[in-house]
Amino acid sequence: MNIIAIDTETTGLNPAEDEIIQFSAVDMMGHELADFLIKPIYHERWDAAEKIKC
């Protein structure tokens, strides 16, 4: 079985209004399959999203 982990970064938490700005994927061995930035169309800043801590 092959497992792929996908991660996204967004301009906020509202799926109706916010945009994906980064997409990444790695396989179960930690090999990077994809990692790219996406230029947002409708947002110039995302201050509230930057304040979220993990």
PDB file of N, CA and C in Angstrom:
ATOM      1  N   MET A   1       0.845  -1.174   0.000  1.00  0.00           N
ATOM      2  CA  MET A   1       0.000   0.000   0.000  1.00  0.00           C
ATOM      3  C   MET A   1       0.892   1.239   0.000  1.00  0.00           C
ATOM      4  N   ASN A   2       0.559   2.204  -0.848  1.00  0.00           N
ATOM      5  CA  ASN A   2       1.293   3.463  -0.925  1.00  0.00           C
ATOM      6  C   ASN A   2       0.416   4.571  -0.355  1.00  0.00           C
ATOM      7  N   ILE A   3       0.971   5.309   0.593  1.00  0.00           N
ATOM      8  CA  ILE A   3       0.244   6.402   1.216  1.00  0.00           C
ATOM      9  C   ILE A   3       0.856   7.715   0.745  1.00  0.00           C
ATOM     10  N   ILE A   4       0.007   8.660   0.391  1.00  0.00           N
ATOM     11  CA  ILE A   4       0.448   9.993  -0.007  1.00  0.00           C
ATOM     12  C   ILE A   4      -0.205  11.007   0.916  1.00  0.00           C
ATOM     13  N   ALA A   5       0.616  11.858   1.516  1.00  0.00           N
ATOM     14  CA  ALA A   5       0.109  12.920   2.380  1.00  0.00           C
ATOM     15  C   ALA A   5       0.075  14.216   1.575  1.00  0.00           C
ATOM     16  N   ILE A   6      -1.050  14.926   1.680  1.00  0.00           N
ATOM     17  CA  ILE A   6      -1.238  16.176   0.961  1.00  0.00           C
ATOM     18  C   ILE A   6      -1.434  17.294   1.979  1.00  0.00           C
ATOM     19  N   ASP A   7      -0.780  18.425   1.726  1.00  0.00           N
ATOM     20  CA  ASP A   7      -0.899  19.589   2.603  1.00  0.00           C
ATOM     21  C   ASP A   7      -1.156  20.811   1.746  1.00  0.00           C
ATOM     22  N   THR A   8      -2.016  21.688   2.229  1.00  0.00           N
ATOM     23  CA  THR A   8      -2.262  22.953   1.538  1.00  0.00           C
ATOM     24  C   THR A   8      -2.138  24.097   2.527  1.00  0.00           C
ATOM     25  N   GLU A   9      -1.761  25.234   2.008  1.00  0.00           N
ATOM     26  CA  GLU A   9      -1.792  26.482   2.760  1.00  0.00           C
ATOM     27  C   GLU A   9      -2.781  27.384   2.042  1.00  0.00           C
ATOM     28  N   THR A  10      -3.562  28.139   2.817  1.00  0.00           N
ATOM     29  CA  THR A  10      -4.611  28.957   2.231  1.00  0.00           C
ATOM     30  C   THR A  10      -4.559  30.382   2.771  1.00  0.00           C
ATOM     31  N   THR A  11      -5.329  31.249   2.140  1.00  0.00           N
ATOM     32  CA  THR A  11      -5.405  32.636   2.587  1.00  0.00           C
ATOM     33  C   THR A  11      -6.347  32.803   3.777  1.00  0.00           C
ATOM     34  N   GLY A  12      -7.021  31.739   4.187  1.00  0.00           N
ATOM     35  CA  GLY A  12      -7.937  31.788   5.323  1.00  0.00           C
ATOM     36  C   GLY A  12      -8.659  30.466   5.483  1.00  0.00           C
ATOM     37  N   LEU A  13      -9.682  30.467   6.325  1.00  0.00           N
ATOM     38  CA  LEU A  13     -10.403  29.231   6.638  1.00  0.00           C
ATOM     39  C   LEU A  13     -11.773  29.116   5.984  1.00  0.00           C
ATOM     40  N   ASN A  14     -12.174  30.090   5.203  1.00  0.00           N
ATOM     41  CA  ASN A  14     -13.493  30.074   4.569  1.00  0.00           C
ATOM     42  C   ASN A  14     -13.367  29.507   3.151  1.00  0.00           C
ATOM     43  N   PRO A  15     -13.834  28.278   2.911  1.00  0.00           N
ATOM     44  CA  PRO A  15     -13.683  27.665   1.578  1.00  0.00           C
ATOM     45  C   PRO A  15     -14.453  28.392   0.485  1.00  0.00           C
ATOM     46  N   ALA A  16     -15.448  29.190   0.856  1.00  0.00           N
ATOM     47  CA  ALA A  16     -16.215  29.926  -0.149  1.00  0.00           C
ATOM     48  C   ALA A  16     -15.491  31.185  -0.626  1.00  0.00           C
ATOM     49  N   GLU A  17     -14.550  31.691   0.184  1.00  0.00           N
ATOM     50  CA  GLU A  17     -13.900  32.960  -0.147  1.00  0.00           C
ATOM     51  C   GLU A  17     -12.380  32.887  -0.249  1.00  0.00           C
ATOM     52  N   ASP A  18     -11.750  31.981   0.466  1.00  0.00           N
ATOM     53  CA  ASP A  18     -10.293  31.953   0.525  1.00  0.00           C
ATOM     54  C   ASP A  18      -9.700  31.050  -0.553  1.00  0.00           C
ATOM     55  N   GLU A  19      -8.406  31.234  -0.791  1.00  0.00           N
ATOM     56  CA  GLU A  19      -7.728  30.555  -1.889  1.00  0.00           C
ATOM     57  C   GLU A  19      -6.558  29.706  -1.397  1.00  0.00           C
ATOM     58  N   ILE A  20      -6.247  28.664  -2.137  1.00  0.00           N
ATOM     59  CA  ILE A  20      -5.054  27.860  -1.875  1.00  0.00           C
ATOM     60  C   ILE A  20      -3.855  28.640  -2.403  1.00  0.00           C
ATOM     61  N   ILE A  21      -2.799  28.753  -1.574  1.00  0.00           N
ATOM     62  CA  ILE A  21      -1.594  29.459  -2.002  1.00  0.00           C
ATOM     63  C   ILE A  21      -0.367  28.541  -2.039  1.00  0.00           C
ATOM     64  N   GLN A  22      -0.479  27.330  -1.472  1.00  0.00           N
ATOM     65  CA  GLN A  22       0.602  26.352  -1.580  1.00  0.00           C
ATOM     66  C   GLN A  22       0.019  24.952  -1.537  1.00  0.00           C
ATOM     67  N   PHE A  23       0.584  24.058  -2.355  1.00  0.00           N
ATOM     68  CA  PHE A  23       0.183  22.661  -2.399  1.00  0.00           C
ATOM     69  C   PHE A  23       1.437  21.813  -2.300  1.00  0.00           C
ATOM     70  N   SER A  24       1.408  20.815  -1.403  1.00  0.00           N
ATOM     71  CA  SER A  24       2.546  19.904  -1.239  1.00  0.00           C
ATOM     72  C   SER A  24       2.044  18.484  -1.094  1.00  0.00           C
ATOM     73  N   ALA A  25       2.851  17.531  -1.559  1.00  0.00           N
ATOM     74  CA  ALA A  25       2.517  16.119  -1.400  1.00  0.00           C
ATOM     75  C   ALA A  25       3.809  15.330  -1.194  1.00  0.00           C
ATOM     76  N   VAL A  26       3.780  14.391  -0.251  1.00  0.00           N
ATOM     77  CA  VAL A  26       4.910  13.494  -0.005  1.00  0.00           C
ATOM     78  C   VAL A  26       4.396  12.069   0.081  1.00  0.00           C
ATOM     79  N   ASP A  27       5.265  11.099  -0.287  1.00  0.00           N
ATOM     80  CA  ASP A  27       4.870   9.705  -0.149  1.00  0.00           C
ATOM     81  C   ASP A  27       5.222   9.206   1.243  1.00  0.00           C
ATOM     82  N   MET A  28       4.917   7.950   1.533  1.00  0.00           N
ATOM     83  CA  MET A  28       5.100   7.425   2.882  1.00  0.00           C
ATOM     84  C   MET A  28       6.569   7.284   3.278  1.00  0.00           C
ATOM     85  N   MET A  29       7.469   7.427   2.329  1.00  0.00           N
ATOM     86  CA  MET A  29       8.901   7.392   2.626  1.00  0.00           C
ATOM     87  C   MET A  29       9.465   8.797   2.823  1.00  0.00           C
ATOM     88  N   GLY A  30       8.614   9.811   2.684  1.00  0.00           N
ATOM     89  CA  GLY A  30       9.054  11.186   2.862  1.00  0.00           C
ATOM     90  C   GLY A  30       9.578  11.835   1.597  1.00  0.00           C
ATOM     91  N   HIS A  31       9.410  11.166   0.457  1.00  0.00           N
ATOM     92  CA  HIS A  31       9.861  11.748  -0.810  1.00  0.00           C
ATOM     93  C   HIS A  31       8.857  12.787  -1.298  1.00  0.00           C
ATOM     94  N   GLU A  32       9.366  13.932  -1.645  1.00  0.00           N
ATOM     95  CA  GLU A  32       8.521  15.014  -2.138  1.00  0.00           C
ATOM     96  C   GLU A  32       8.004  14.683  -3.543  1.00  0.00           C
ATOM     97  N   LEU A  33       6.707  14.681  -3.691  1.00  0.00           N
ATOM     98  CA  LEU A  33       6.078  14.418  -4.986  1.00  0.00           C
ATOM     99  C   LEU A  33       5.671  15.708  -5.674  1.00  0.00           C
ATOM    100  N   ALA A  34       5.304  16.695  -4.891  1.00  0.00           N
ATOM    101  CA  ALA A  34       4.889  17.993  -5.427  1.00  0.00           C
ATOM    102  C   ALA A  34       5.065  19.039  -4.342  1.00  0.00           C
ATOM    103  N   ASP A  35       5.431  20.226  -4.741  1.00  0.00           N
ATOM    104  CA  ASP A  35       5.515  21.354  -3.821  1.00  0.00           C
ATOM    105  C   ASP A  35       5.553  22.611  -4.668  1.00  0.00           C
ATOM    106  N   PHE A  36       4.450  23.319  -4.712  1.00  0.00           N
ATOM    107  CA  PHE A  36       4.439  24.531  -5.512  1.00  0.00           C
ATOM    108  C   PHE A  36       3.548  25.595  -4.908  1.00  0.00           C
ATOM    109  N   LEU A  37       3.886  26.830  -5.233  1.00  0.00           N
ATOM    110  CA  LEU A  37       3.131  27.995  -4.784  1.00  0.00           C
ATOM    111  C   LEU A  37       2.119  28.373  -5.859  1.00  0.00           C
ATOM    112  N   ILE A  38       1.001  28.925  -5.417  1.00  0.00           N
ATOM    113  CA  ILE A  38      -0.067  29.335  -6.321  1.00  0.00           C
ATOM    114  C   ILE A  38      -0.366  30.802  -6.033  1.00  0.00           C
ATOM    115  N   LYS A  39      -0.277  31.636  -7.043  1.00  0.00           N
ATOM    116  CA  LYS A  39      -0.545  33.058  -6.846  1.00  0.00           C
ATOM    117  C   LYS A  39      -2.051  33.267  -6.672  1.00  0.00           C
ATOM    118  N   PRO A  40      -2.460  33.846  -5.548  1.00  0.00           N
ATOM    119  CA  PRO A  40      -3.888  34.092  -5.350  1.00  0.00           C
ATOM    120  C   PRO A  40      -4.413  35.150  -6.321  1.00  0.00           C
ATOM    121  N   ILE A  41      -5.635  34.997  -6.725  1.00  0.00           N
ATOM    122  CA  ILE A  41      -6.256  35.920  -7.668  1.00  0.00           C
ATOM    123  C   ILE A  41      -6.959  37.065  -6.934  1.00  0.00           C
ATOM    124  N   TYR A  42      -7.646  36.742  -5.845  1.00  0.00           N
ATOM    125  CA  TYR A  42      -8.515  37.715  -5.178  1.00  0.00           C
ATOM    126  C   TYR A  42      -7.936  38.306  -3.898  1.00  0.00           C
ATOM    127  N   HIS A  43      -6.857  37.749  -3.378  1.00  0.00           N
ATOM    128  CA  HIS A  43      -6.292  38.213  -2.110  1.00  0.00           C
ATOM    129  C   HIS A  43      -4.883  38.757  -2.319  1.00  0.00           C
ATOM    130  N   GLU A  44      -4.611  39.881  -1.679  1.00  0.00           N
ATOM    131  CA  GLU A  44      -3.261  40.439  -1.679  1.00  0.00           C
ATOM    132  C   GLU A  44      -2.570  40.207  -0.339  1.00  0.00           C
ATOM    133  N   ARG A  45      -3.354  40.051   0.715  1.00  0.00           N
ATOM    134  CA  ARG A  45      -2.829  39.814   2.063  1.00  0.00           C
ATOM    135  C   ARG A  45      -3.693  38.761   2.745  1.00  0.00           C
ATOM    136  N   TRP A  46      -3.112  38.066   3.712  1.00  0.00           N
ATOM    137  CA  TRP A  46      -3.858  37.080   4.490  1.00  0.00           C
ATOM    138  C   TRP A  46      -3.316  37.073   5.916  1.00  0.00           C
ATOM    139  N   ASP A  47      -3.427  38.246   6.530  1.00  0.00           N
ATOM    140  CA  ASP A  47      -2.897  38.441   7.886  1.00  0.00           C
ATOM    141  C   ASP A  47      -3.497  37.476   8.900  1.00  0.00           C
ATOM    142  N   ALA A  48      -4.811  37.234   8.844  1.00  0.00           N
ATOM    143  CA  ALA A  48      -5.439  36.344   9.815  1.00  0.00           C
ATOM    144  C   ALA A  48      -4.917  34.916   9.677  1.00  0.00           C
ATOM    145  N   ALA A  49      -4.711  34.464   8.468  1.00  0.00           N
ATOM    146  CA  ALA A  49      -4.180  33.107   8.254  1.00  0.00           C
ATOM    147  C   ALA A  49      -2.760  32.986   8.756  1.00  0.00           C
ATOM    148  N   GLU A  50      -1.959  34.039   8.633  1.00  0.00           N
ATOM    149  CA  GLU A  50      -0.570  34.009   9.107  1.00  0.00           C
ATOM    150  C   GLU A  50      -0.485  33.936  10.624  1.00  0.00           C
ATOM    151  N   LYS A  51      -1.508  34.360  11.324  1.00  0.00           N
ATOM    152  CA  LYS A  51      -1.502  34.330  12.782  1.00  0.00           C
ATOM    153  C   LYS A  51      -1.813  32.953  13.360  1.00  0.00           C
ATOM    154  N   ILE A  52      -2.324  32.020  12.554  1.00  0.00           N
ATOM    155  CA  ILE A  52      -2.682  30.683  13.027  1.00  0.00           C
ATOM    156  C   ILE A  52      -1.395  29.907  13.335  1.00  0.00           C
ATOM    157  N   LYS A  53      -1.310  29.380  14.534  1.00  0.00           N
ATOM    158  CA  LYS A  53      -0.145  28.604  14.973  1.00  0.00           C
ATOM    159  C   LYS A  53      -0.537  27.144  15.092  1.00  0.00           C
ATOM    160  N   CYS A  54       0.396  26.281  14.723  1.00  0.00           N
ATOM    161  CA  CYS A  54       0.150  24.835  14.853  1.00  0.00           C
ATOM    162  C   CYS A  54       0.611  24.342  16.189  1.00  0.00           C
TER     163      CYS A  54
END
